[in-house]
Amino acid sequence: MRWLVYVLTQALKLAELRLRGSAAKDVELLALRHHLAVRERGTGS
């Protein structure tokens, strides 16, 4: 459950940065997507 809260928090932060026009966080966005994919593979969902 904690990881879900963390992921949602990070996603909101990244969305806010993108709305401000910052494209420098693309690497973090890719890392977040990778983290989610690994989690999904690990749980089999």
C-alpha atoms as a PDB file:
ATOM      1  CA  MET A   1       0.000   0.000   0.000  1.00  0.00           C
ATOM      2  CA  ARG A   2       2.837   2.387   0.824  1.00  0.00           C
ATOM      3  CA  TRP A   3       4.390   1.976  -2.599  1.00  0.00           C
ATOM      4  CA  LEU A   4       1.069   2.937  -4.187  1.00  0.00           C
ATOM      5  CA  VAL A   5       0.917   6.158  -2.174  1.00  0.00           C
ATOM      6  CA  TYR A   6       4.536   6.883  -3.134  1.00  0.00           C
ATOM      7  CA  VAL A   7       3.889   6.220  -6.821  1.00  0.00           C
ATOM      8  CA  LEU A   8       0.777   8.407  -6.865  1.00  0.00           C
ATOM      9  CA  THR A   9       2.615  11.204  -5.071  1.00  0.00           C
ATOM     10  CA  GLN A  10       5.492  11.062  -7.548  1.00  0.00           C
ATOM     11  CA  ALA A  11       3.071  10.995 -10.485  1.00  0.00           C
ATOM     12  CA  LEU A  12       1.332  14.133  -9.190  1.00  0.00           C
ATOM     13  CA  LYS A  13       4.667  15.903  -8.724  1.00  0.00           C
ATOM     14  CA  LEU A  14       5.718  15.001 -12.258  1.00  0.00           C
ATOM     15  CA  ALA A  15       2.374  16.145 -13.668  1.00  0.00           C
ATOM     16  CA  GLU A  16       2.757  19.487 -11.884  1.00  0.00           C
ATOM     17  CA  LEU A  17       6.280  19.930 -13.253  1.00  0.00           C
ATOM     18  CA  ARG A  18       5.085  19.147 -16.768  1.00  0.00           C
ATOM     19  CA  LEU A  19       2.273  21.679 -16.447  1.00  0.00           C
ATOM     20  CA  ARG A  20       4.915  24.246 -15.524  1.00  0.00           C
ATOM     21  CA  GLY A  21       6.699  23.423 -18.768  1.00  0.00           C
ATOM     22  CA  SER A  22       9.612  21.462 -17.322  1.00  0.00           C
ATOM     23  CA  ALA A  23      10.630  18.683 -19.683  1.00  0.00           C
ATOM     24  CA  ALA A  24      13.712  17.892 -17.596  1.00  0.00           C
ATOM     25  CA  LYS A  25      11.800  15.323 -15.572  1.00  0.00           C
ATOM     26  CA  ASP A  26      11.215  12.949 -18.501  1.00  0.00           C
ATOM     27  CA  VAL A  27      13.881  10.600 -17.157  1.00  0.00           C
ATOM     28  CA  GLU A  28      12.096  10.430 -13.799  1.00  0.00           C
ATOM     29  CA  LEU A  29       8.816   9.735 -15.581  1.00  0.00           C
ATOM     30  CA  LEU A  30      10.420   6.852 -17.470  1.00  0.00           C
ATOM     31  CA  ALA A  31      11.872   5.530 -14.214  1.00  0.00           C
ATOM     32  CA  LEU A  32       8.442   5.710 -12.584  1.00  0.00           C
ATOM     33  CA  ARG A  33       6.874   3.796 -15.478  1.00  0.00           C
ATOM     34  CA  HIS A  34       9.633   1.193 -15.248  1.00  0.00           C
ATOM     35  CA  HIS A  35       9.070   0.875 -11.486  1.00  0.00           C
ATOM     36  CA  LEU A  36       5.347   0.290 -12.064  1.00  0.00           C
ATOM     37  CA  ALA A  37       6.047  -2.299 -14.762  1.00  0.00           C
ATOM     38  CA  VAL A  38       8.419  -4.185 -12.470  1.00  0.00           C
ATOM     39  CA  ARG A  39       5.825  -4.113  -9.675  1.00  0.00           C
ATOM     40  CA  GLU A  40       3.118  -5.446 -12.007  1.00  0.00           C
ATOM     41  CA  ARG A  41       5.392  -8.251 -13.199  1.00  0.00           C
ATOM     42  CA  GLY A  42       6.290  -9.104  -9.621  1.00  0.00           C
ATOM     43  CA  THR A  43       2.669  -9.358  -8.488  1.00  0.00           C
ATOM     44  CA  GLY A  44       1.465 -11.027 -11.670  1.00  0.00           C
ATOM     45  CA  SER A  45      -1.291  -8.455 -12.261  1.00  0.00           C
END
